[in-house]
Each structure stands twice: as structure tokens, then as C-alpha cells.
Amino acid sequence: MAINAMSVDVEEYFQVQALSGHVGRADWDQRGSRVELSTNRVLDLFATHGAKATFFTLGWVAERHPALVRRIVADGHELASHGYEHIRVDTQTPAQFRVDVRRTKAILEDTAGAPVRGYRAATFSIGRNNLWAFPVLAEEGYTYSSSINPIRHDLYGMDEAPRFPFYPDGANGVVEVPITTLRAGGRNWPCGGGGFFRLLPYALSRWAIARVNATEGKPTMFYFHPWEVDADQPRVPNLPFKSRFRHYHNLERMQVRLAQLLTDFAWDRVDRVFVSPTPSTAR
């Protein structure tokens, strides 16, 4: 059986892109935190199924919940960086990005006492126009990134990128591990988790992951967020329909779906699945 990579983007429910126009950053500390509750729920689920994962964690969260970060490492999972406070890379200058990734790496390593090798950009915001980010990551001591989603999407995407791990030009040894897609009908279709996993029937994800494993002989990169297993999170008022649907639909079903996914496939940390083997450049 193929071993796939499981990853979790650790952030509060109110820090996501879909809510960014309705929840100000200045208000974050006044909102009730739910990330410790929801991430512990995820950790308990992984422990039940004997699965290991990589937790891409915000520095902002680590500062406020150090015991949670230490539990991630104590449970045998990989700790990685999601940036400090979920700022899109395509809104930063190279200098601002360097400060962000350096600061976050230091916070995570000092809190957990474990090395941080991996990075994931907020909202997969590294793409064709800011590939300068990879050399910066290398210079700041990162080994790999999982910051490109090779699909067409209104918020992100670089559909011409390789579908499997590759070395970006000028990346100085940093490996990019994109979110998994299925190639069909001349385009890439999402099958690596996120909202697509929660919003669409589970059978579609199960079929697509199995097809990538069997037909292409490749492991998949899957991701989700702790807030997606928290159906009781507060509702942000006055959201447009698209944002409301993307964020809240099927929250009550997510934990059951994840349990089924952990049963149907084998899962491990990103560093053990993708980073040690030599990356391919196959599309």
C-alpha cells in the first residue's frame, strides 16, 4: 500500500482567507480561541488511527498555545512553519517575507525544541509571480516547501507547475511539494484535501487518491485545517454566500470523513514521505 503525506494547517477559524475581509487582524486577540480544542481533537483522531502528519503552524498560534505545539512534537508529528500570522506571500516584499519566515522558524523551534524544515505559504500564495520566495527559504534554513497548488482557482493556483515534488529554478536545494491533483481532460483537478474534500462527496476523493497511487505510482499530499472539525465555532455574520458556503458547509461531517480517510489509506509525515526520496519533475 502506498504511504501518503498528511498535513494540517494550524490556524484559528477566523484567520482564513474567506473571512479576511470580515475579521480584522486587530480583533484577533478579542475573539475566543478555538485552535487548541480543534487541534487536540485532530491529534486524538490521528492517535486512534496510528497516523502521523506534518503540522504547518502559525507563529502567532505557537506564541499563544505553546503546550499545543509541544504536544504535536511529543506525539511524533512533524512541526513546520505556516508563517507568522497568515499573510499572503504575494502581498509581501522579499525583505518582509524573510523577516516573517525567520521569525516563525525561531518561535516554533524555541517552543518545541525541534528543528523546523518545512514551510507552507498562507493560501498557497507562492506562484508564477513570486518564485523569488524559494531562494529566501533556502537562505533561512528551510529544506522544503508545500506552497503551490497546481490548479485554477480564484484565490490561488499555478496550474502549469509540476504535479509532483520538484526543485524550482534558483531554489538552492529547497524542494517544492505541491498539493496533489489528478490529471484528466487536459487539466489538473484537486484531490489533495482542503475545501474540495469537505464540500464534495467523499467517494470522489477516495477514488482520486487511489488512482494517483495506483495509476501514477505516486504518494499524495493531503491537507486540511483544525477548524474544519469544529462545527460549534462561532459564525461570522454578514458573509457573502460564497464565503459562508466555503467555510461552514459540511463541518459536522468532516471528522467522520477524516476517520474514513485514515482507515482507507496509509499516512505519514511530509518529511518522511517526500523529502528524503529524490523528487521527480514529472507533471
Protein backbone atom coordinates (compact mmCIF):
# COMPACT_ATOMS: atom_id res chain seq x y z
CA MET A 1 0.00 0.00 0.00
CA ALA A 2 1.27 3.49 -0.85
CA ILE A 3 2.05 5.78 2.07
CA ASN A 4 0.65 9.27 1.57
CA ALA A 5 1.54 12.53 3.27
CA MET A 6 -0.95 14.03 5.72
CA SER A 7 -0.68 17.70 6.63
CA VAL A 8 -2.61 20.11 8.85
CA ASP A 9 -2.57 23.91 8.58
CA VAL A 10 -2.83 25.07 12.20
CA GLU A 11 -4.67 28.37 12.41
CA GLU A 12 -7.72 29.84 14.13
CA TYR A 13 -11.08 29.63 12.38
CA PHE A 14 -11.12 33.44 11.96
CA GLN A 15 -7.69 33.63 10.27
CA VAL A 16 -8.70 32.06 6.95
CA GLN A 17 -8.73 33.88 3.62
CA ALA A 18 -12.51 33.51 3.20
CA LEU A 19 -13.09 35.62 6.33
CA SER A 20 -10.23 38.10 5.87
CA GLY A 21 -12.49 40.90 4.67
CA HIS A 22 -14.81 40.50 7.66
CA VAL A 23 -12.50 39.86 10.62
CA GLY A 24 -9.82 42.46 11.23
CA ARG A 25 -6.38 41.39 12.46
CA ALA A 26 -6.64 43.92 15.28
CA ASP A 27 -9.62 41.94 16.60
CA TRP A 28 -7.96 38.50 16.66
CA ASP A 29 -7.00 38.55 20.34
CA GLN A 30 -10.51 39.63 21.33
CA ARG A 31 -12.11 36.60 19.68
CA GLY A 32 -12.48 33.37 21.57
CA SER A 33 -9.68 30.96 20.65
CA ARG A 34 -10.71 27.53 19.36
CA VAL A 35 -7.47 26.29 17.82
CA GLU A 36 -6.25 24.35 20.86
CA LEU A 37 -9.55 22.48 21.19
CA SER A 38 -9.79 21.65 17.49
CA THR A 39 -6.13 20.70 17.03
CA ASN A 40 -6.21 18.43 20.07
CA ARG A 41 -9.25 16.78 18.52
CA VAL A 42 -7.20 16.17 15.36
CA LEU A 43 -4.27 14.82 17.39
CA ASP A 44 -6.61 12.43 19.21
CA LEU A 45 -8.00 11.26 15.87
CA PHE A 46 -4.52 10.58 14.50
CA ALA A 47 -3.57 8.71 17.66
CA THR A 48 -6.64 6.50 17.36
CA HIS A 49 -5.71 5.55 13.79
CA GLY A 50 -1.95 5.36 14.25
CA ALA A 51 -1.34 8.10 11.67
CA LYS A 52 1.47 10.66 11.64
CA ALA A 53 1.29 14.07 9.99
CA THR A 54 3.01 17.40 9.44
CA PHE A 55 1.50 20.39 11.24
CA PHE A 56 2.16 23.67 9.39
CA THR A 57 1.69 26.05 12.31
CA LEU A 58 1.38 29.81 12.57
CA GLY A 59 3.92 31.53 14.79
CA TRP A 60 1.01 33.58 16.18
CA VAL A 61 -0.64 30.36 17.37
CA ALA A 62 2.60 28.95 18.81
CA GLU A 63 3.15 32.05 20.94
CA ARG A 64 -0.31 31.74 22.47
CA HIS A 65 -0.52 27.95 22.75
CA PRO A 66 2.98 26.59 23.44
CA ALA A 67 1.65 23.41 25.10
CA LEU A 68 -0.19 22.55 21.88
CA VAL A 69 2.99 22.90 19.83
CA ARG A 70 4.88 20.73 22.28
CA ARG A 71 2.17 18.06 22.10
CA ILE A 72 2.44 17.95 18.31
CA VAL A 73 6.12 17.07 18.58
CA ALA A 74 5.67 14.77 21.61
CA ASP A 75 3.09 12.75 19.64
CA GLY A 76 5.68 12.08 16.92
CA HIS A 77 4.40 14.51 14.30
CA GLU A 78 6.47 16.95 12.26
CA LEU A 79 6.28 20.63 13.16
CA ALA A 80 6.57 23.04 10.22
CA SER A 81 6.01 26.73 9.51
CA HIS A 82 2.87 28.36 8.15
CA GLY A 83 4.28 31.87 8.52
CA TYR A 84 3.67 34.16 11.48
CA GLU A 85 0.11 35.45 11.03
CA HIS A 86 -1.29 34.11 7.76
CA ILE A 87 -0.17 36.91 5.47
CA ARG A 88 -0.17 36.01 1.78
CA VAL A 89 3.34 35.89 0.32
CA ASP A 90 2.16 37.66 -2.84
CA THR A 91 1.43 40.76 -0.71
CA GLN A 92 4.93 40.81 0.82
CA THR A 93 8.24 42.12 -0.41
CA PRO A 94 11.21 39.72 -0.32
CA ALA A 95 12.52 41.56 2.75
CA GLN A 96 9.19 41.27 4.57
CA PHE A 97 8.94 37.60 3.66
CA ARG A 98 12.43 36.93 5.00
CA VAL A 99 11.57 38.53 8.33
CA ASP A 100 8.35 36.53 8.52
CA VAL A 101 9.84 33.08 7.83
CA ARG A 102 12.89 33.71 10.02
CA ARG A 103 10.74 34.88 12.94
CA THR A 104 8.32 31.97 12.68
CA LYS A 105 11.04 29.34 12.44
CA ALA A 106 12.69 30.72 15.58
CA ILE A 107 9.41 30.79 17.52
CA LEU A 108 8.49 27.22 16.59
CA GLU A 109 11.95 25.79 17.26
CA ASP A 110 12.33 27.61 20.57
CA THR A 111 8.86 26.50 21.71
CA ALA A 112 9.09 22.85 20.68
CA GLY A 113 12.82 22.19 20.90
CA ALA A 114 12.65 20.54 17.48
CA PRO A 115 14.01 21.57 14.07
CA VAL A 116 11.65 23.12 11.53
CA ARG A 117 12.42 22.11 7.95
CA GLY A 118 9.17 22.75 6.09
CA TYR A 119 7.10 25.79 5.10
CA ARG A 120 3.65 26.33 3.64
CA ALA A 121 2.52 29.73 2.40
CA ALA A 122 -0.79 31.13 3.55
CA THR A 123 -3.46 30.35 0.95
CA PHE A 124 -0.85 28.71 -1.33
CA SER A 125 0.29 32.20 -2.25
CA ILE A 126 3.58 31.31 -3.92
CA GLY A 127 3.12 31.15 -7.67
CA ARG A 128 4.47 32.21 -11.03
CA ASN A 129 4.95 35.85 -9.99
CA ASN A 130 6.86 35.37 -6.72
CA LEU A 131 9.15 32.38 -7.18
CA TRP A 132 11.81 34.55 -5.50
CA ALA A 133 10.43 33.11 -2.26
CA PHE A 134 12.25 29.79 -2.72
CA PRO A 135 15.82 31.13 -2.52
CA VAL A 136 14.79 33.10 0.58
CA LEU A 137 13.50 29.92 2.21
CA ALA A 138 16.79 28.17 1.43
CA GLU A 139 18.82 31.01 2.90
CA GLU A 140 16.71 30.91 6.07
CA GLY A 141 17.35 27.22 6.64
CA TYR A 142 14.25 25.55 5.23
CA THR A 143 14.57 22.26 3.35
CA TYR A 144 11.18 22.06 1.63
CA SER A 145 8.03 23.99 0.85
CA SER A 146 4.46 22.91 0.17
CA SER A 147 3.16 26.22 -1.09
CA ILE A 148 1.92 25.63 -4.65
CA ASN A 149 -1.45 24.21 -5.55
CA PRO A 150 -1.26 23.42 -9.29
CA ILE A 151 -4.91 24.15 -10.13
CA ARG A 152 -7.04 27.02 -11.43
CA HIS A 153 -8.70 28.80 -8.52
CA ASP A 154 -9.96 32.29 -7.76
CA LEU A 155 -7.72 32.69 -4.69
CA TYR A 156 -4.54 30.83 -5.71
CA GLY A 157 -3.08 28.36 -8.16
CA MET A 158 -0.27 27.76 -10.62
CA ASP A 159 -1.68 25.12 -12.91
CA GLU A 160 1.45 24.92 -15.09
CA ALA A 161 3.59 23.84 -12.12
CA PRO A 162 4.76 20.22 -11.86
CA ARG A 163 2.25 17.99 -10.10
CA PHE A 164 4.82 16.13 -8.02
CA PRO A 165 7.85 17.27 -5.94
CA PHE A 166 10.37 19.35 -7.87
CA TYR A 167 13.25 21.78 -7.43
CA PRO A 168 12.16 25.27 -8.54
CA ASP A 169 14.72 27.23 -10.56
CA GLY A 170 17.05 29.06 -8.23
CA ALA A 171 15.67 27.37 -5.13
CA ASN A 172 19.12 26.32 -3.88
CA GLY A 173 18.03 22.84 -2.91
CA VAL A 174 14.59 23.63 -1.48
CA VAL A 175 12.07 21.04 -2.67
CA GLU A 176 8.53 22.16 -3.52
CA VAL A 177 5.92 19.51 -2.68
CA PRO A 178 2.67 20.66 -4.33
CA ILE A 179 -0.80 19.68 -3.22
CA THR A 180 -1.87 16.61 -5.18
CA THR A 181 -4.02 16.88 -8.27
CA LEU A 182 -5.47 14.39 -10.72
CA ARG A 183 -4.70 14.98 -14.40
CA ALA A 184 -7.75 14.42 -16.61
CA GLY A 185 -9.26 16.09 -19.66
CA GLY A 186 -6.19 18.26 -20.21
CA ARG A 187 -6.28 19.93 -16.79
CA ASN A 188 -5.45 19.35 -13.13
CA TRP A 189 -8.29 18.51 -10.75
CA PRO A 190 -7.95 18.97 -6.98
CA CYS A 191 -7.79 15.81 -4.89
CA GLY A 192 -5.45 16.77 -2.06
CA GLY A 193 -7.96 17.83 0.55
CA GLY A 194 -8.94 21.33 1.63
CA GLY A 195 -12.42 22.59 0.89
CA PHE A 196 -12.82 20.20 -2.02
CA PHE A 197 -12.59 17.24 0.37
CA ARG A 198 -15.17 18.71 2.73
CA LEU A 199 -17.60 20.11 0.17
CA LEU A 200 -17.70 17.26 -2.37
CA PRO A 201 -18.73 13.62 -1.80
CA TYR A 202 -16.05 11.58 -0.01
CA ALA A 203 -16.15 8.92 -2.73
CA LEU A 204 -14.59 11.38 -5.20
CA SER A 205 -11.54 11.99 -3.02
CA ARG A 206 -11.13 8.31 -2.23
CA TRP A 207 -11.27 7.40 -5.92
CA ALA A 208 -8.85 10.16 -6.98
CA ILE A 209 -6.27 9.41 -4.28
CA ALA A 210 -6.40 5.70 -5.09
CA ARG A 211 -5.97 6.47 -8.79
CA VAL A 212 -2.89 8.64 -8.22
CA ASN A 213 -1.42 5.90 -6.01
CA ALA A 214 -2.18 3.04 -8.40
CA THR A 215 -2.03 4.53 -11.90
CA GLU A 216 0.83 7.00 -11.43
CA GLY A 217 2.59 5.14 -8.62
CA LYS A 218 2.89 8.31 -6.54
CA PRO A 219 2.05 9.23 -2.95
CA THR A 220 -0.36 12.11 -2.46
CA MET A 221 -0.10 15.31 -0.42
CA PHE A 222 -3.28 15.94 1.58
CA TYR A 223 -4.17 18.90 3.81
CA PHE A 224 -6.95 20.26 5.99
CA HIS A 225 -7.44 22.69 8.92
CA PRO A 226 -8.34 22.01 12.56
CA TRP A 227 -11.28 24.43 12.38
CA GLU A 228 -12.87 22.08 9.85
CA VAL A 229 -13.58 19.56 12.65
CA ASP A 230 -15.14 22.26 14.84
CA ALA A 231 -18.81 22.53 13.87
CA ASP A 232 -19.53 24.61 17.01
CA GLN A 233 -17.26 27.51 16.08
CA PRO A 234 -18.87 30.97 16.20
CA ARG A 235 -20.47 32.13 12.95
CA VAL A 236 -19.15 35.37 11.47
CA PRO A 237 -22.17 37.47 10.44
CA ASN A 238 -22.94 39.11 7.10
CA LEU A 239 -20.73 36.90 4.95
CA PRO A 240 -21.45 36.66 1.22
CA PHE A 241 -22.88 33.31 0.15
CA LYS A 242 -19.63 32.01 -1.40
CA SER A 243 -17.56 32.68 1.73
CA ARG A 244 -20.25 31.28 4.02
CA PHE A 245 -20.58 28.12 1.94
CA ARG A 246 -16.82 27.58 1.63
CA HIS A 247 -16.22 27.96 5.34
CA TYR A 248 -19.19 26.31 7.05
CA HIS A 249 -20.63 23.67 4.72
CA ASN A 250 -20.23 20.08 5.96
CA LEU A 251 -18.25 20.97 9.10
CA GLU A 252 -20.37 18.47 11.02
CA ARG A 253 -19.33 15.67 8.63
CA MET A 254 -15.61 16.38 8.46
CA GLN A 255 -14.38 14.32 11.40
CA VAL A 256 -16.22 11.22 10.20
CA ARG A 257 -14.78 11.69 6.70
CA LEU A 258 -11.27 12.07 8.07
CA ALA A 259 -11.66 8.90 10.12
CA GLN A 260 -12.69 7.06 6.97
CA LEU A 261 -9.76 8.53 5.04
CA LEU A 262 -7.33 7.41 7.74
CA THR A 263 -8.82 3.92 7.51
CA ASP A 264 -8.79 3.70 3.71
CA PHE A 265 -5.18 4.85 3.18
CA ALA A 266 -1.81 4.85 4.96
CA TRP A 267 -0.46 8.24 6.12
CA ASP A 268 2.82 9.69 7.39
CA ARG A 269 4.67 12.99 7.81
CA VAL A 270 5.65 15.09 4.78
CA ASP A 271 9.37 14.89 5.56
CA ARG A 272 9.30 11.08 5.62
CA VAL A 273 7.11 10.63 2.53
CA PHE A 274 8.51 13.25 0.18
CA VAL A 275 11.69 14.94 1.32
CA SER A 276 14.08 12.02 1.72
CA PRO A 277 13.38 10.43 -1.71
CA THR A 278 14.74 12.21 -4.76
CA PRO A 279 11.97 14.46 -6.14
CA SER A 280 10.74 13.87 -9.66
CA THR A 281 9.99 16.52 -12.24
CA ALA A 282 7.12 14.59 -13.85
CA ARG A 283 3.97 16.53 -14.49
